Amino acid sequence: MRLRINGERCQGHGKCYMVAPEAFEPNEDDDWGRATVLITEPDPADAALMRHLDSAVGNCPEQAITLEEGS
């Protein structure tokens, strides 16, 4: 499983790091608050993490976050 953010689509709303702070954080080098992925290969067996990631994907206004099967 791969977690990614499309940096060209991300507008820095910050919803991802609000709902899944264990997986995202603001990029400190970016004045717009765009997110950085902390966990690129999340464990699908971690049910709580997967709920947070699903919420982050669903709440991204720009649809910049993808959670893909495989690696």
Protein backbone atom coordinates (compact mmCIF):
# COMPACT_ATOMS: atom_id res chain seq x y z
CA MET A 1 0.00 0.00 0.00
CA ARG A 2 1.31 3.49 -0.91
CA LEU A 3 0.27 6.86 0.49
CA ARG A 4 1.01 9.85 -1.72
CA ILE A 5 0.26 13.54 -2.06
CA ASN A 6 0.20 15.25 -5.43
CA GLY A 7 2.23 18.36 -4.67
CA GLU A 8 0.83 20.20 -7.66
CA ARG A 9 -2.75 19.74 -6.48
CA CYS A 10 -2.21 20.31 -2.75
CA GLN A 11 -3.23 23.82 -1.71
CA GLY A 12 -2.28 23.59 1.97
CA HIS A 13 -5.74 23.37 3.53
CA GLY A 14 -4.25 21.14 6.25
CA LYS A 15 -7.21 18.83 6.67
CA CYS A 16 -5.00 15.78 6.18
CA TYR A 17 -2.68 16.57 9.06
CA MET A 18 -5.65 17.51 11.24
CA VAL A 19 -7.38 14.15 10.77
CA ALA A 20 -4.26 11.97 10.45
CA PRO A 21 -1.37 13.69 12.27
CA GLU A 22 0.47 10.38 12.52
CA ALA A 23 0.71 10.26 8.71
CA PHE A 24 0.99 13.90 7.62
CA GLU A 25 2.59 17.11 8.77
CA PRO A 26 2.92 20.60 7.34
CA ASN A 27 6.03 21.02 5.20
CA GLU A 28 8.08 23.49 7.22
CA ASP A 29 9.81 24.74 4.07
CA ASP A 30 6.51 25.60 2.37
CA ASP A 31 4.82 28.94 3.10
CA TRP A 32 1.46 27.58 1.91
CA GLY A 33 1.24 24.79 4.50
CA ARG A 34 1.32 21.96 2.00
CA ALA A 35 1.58 18.56 3.63
CA THR A 36 4.40 16.07 3.83
CA VAL A 37 3.71 12.34 4.04
CA LEU A 38 5.27 10.72 7.11
CA ILE A 39 4.17 7.14 6.39
CA THR A 40 4.61 6.28 2.71
CA GLU A 41 3.77 2.58 3.18
CA PRO A 42 1.04 2.31 5.82
CA ASP A 43 0.20 -1.06 7.36
CA PRO A 44 -3.27 -2.11 6.17
CA ALA A 45 -3.65 -4.18 9.36
CA ASP A 46 -3.60 -0.99 11.47
CA ALA A 47 -7.35 -0.33 11.49
CA ALA A 48 -7.17 3.01 13.32
CA LEU A 49 -4.52 4.35 10.94
CA MET A 50 -6.49 3.19 7.91
CA ARG A 51 -9.63 4.97 9.20
CA HIS A 52 -7.60 8.17 9.61
CA LEU A 53 -6.09 7.84 6.14
CA ASP A 54 -9.49 7.18 4.56
CA SER A 55 -10.75 10.32 6.30
CA ALA A 56 -7.76 12.33 5.06
CA VAL A 57 -8.34 11.14 1.47
CA GLY A 58 -12.04 11.91 1.68
CA ASN A 59 -11.58 15.33 3.26
CA CYS A 60 -8.93 16.68 0.88
CA PRO A 61 -10.68 19.50 -1.04
CA GLU A 62 -8.20 19.20 -3.91
CA GLN A 63 -8.28 15.37 -4.06
CA ALA A 64 -4.49 15.48 -3.82
CA ILE A 65 -4.10 12.42 -1.57
CA THR A 66 -4.07 8.86 -2.89
CA LEU A 67 -3.92 5.59 -1.05
CA GLU A 68 -3.02 2.87 -3.54
CA GLU A 69 -2.88 -0.89 -3.29
CA GLY A 70 0.50 -2.46 -3.95
CA SER A 71 3.85 -0.71 -3.67
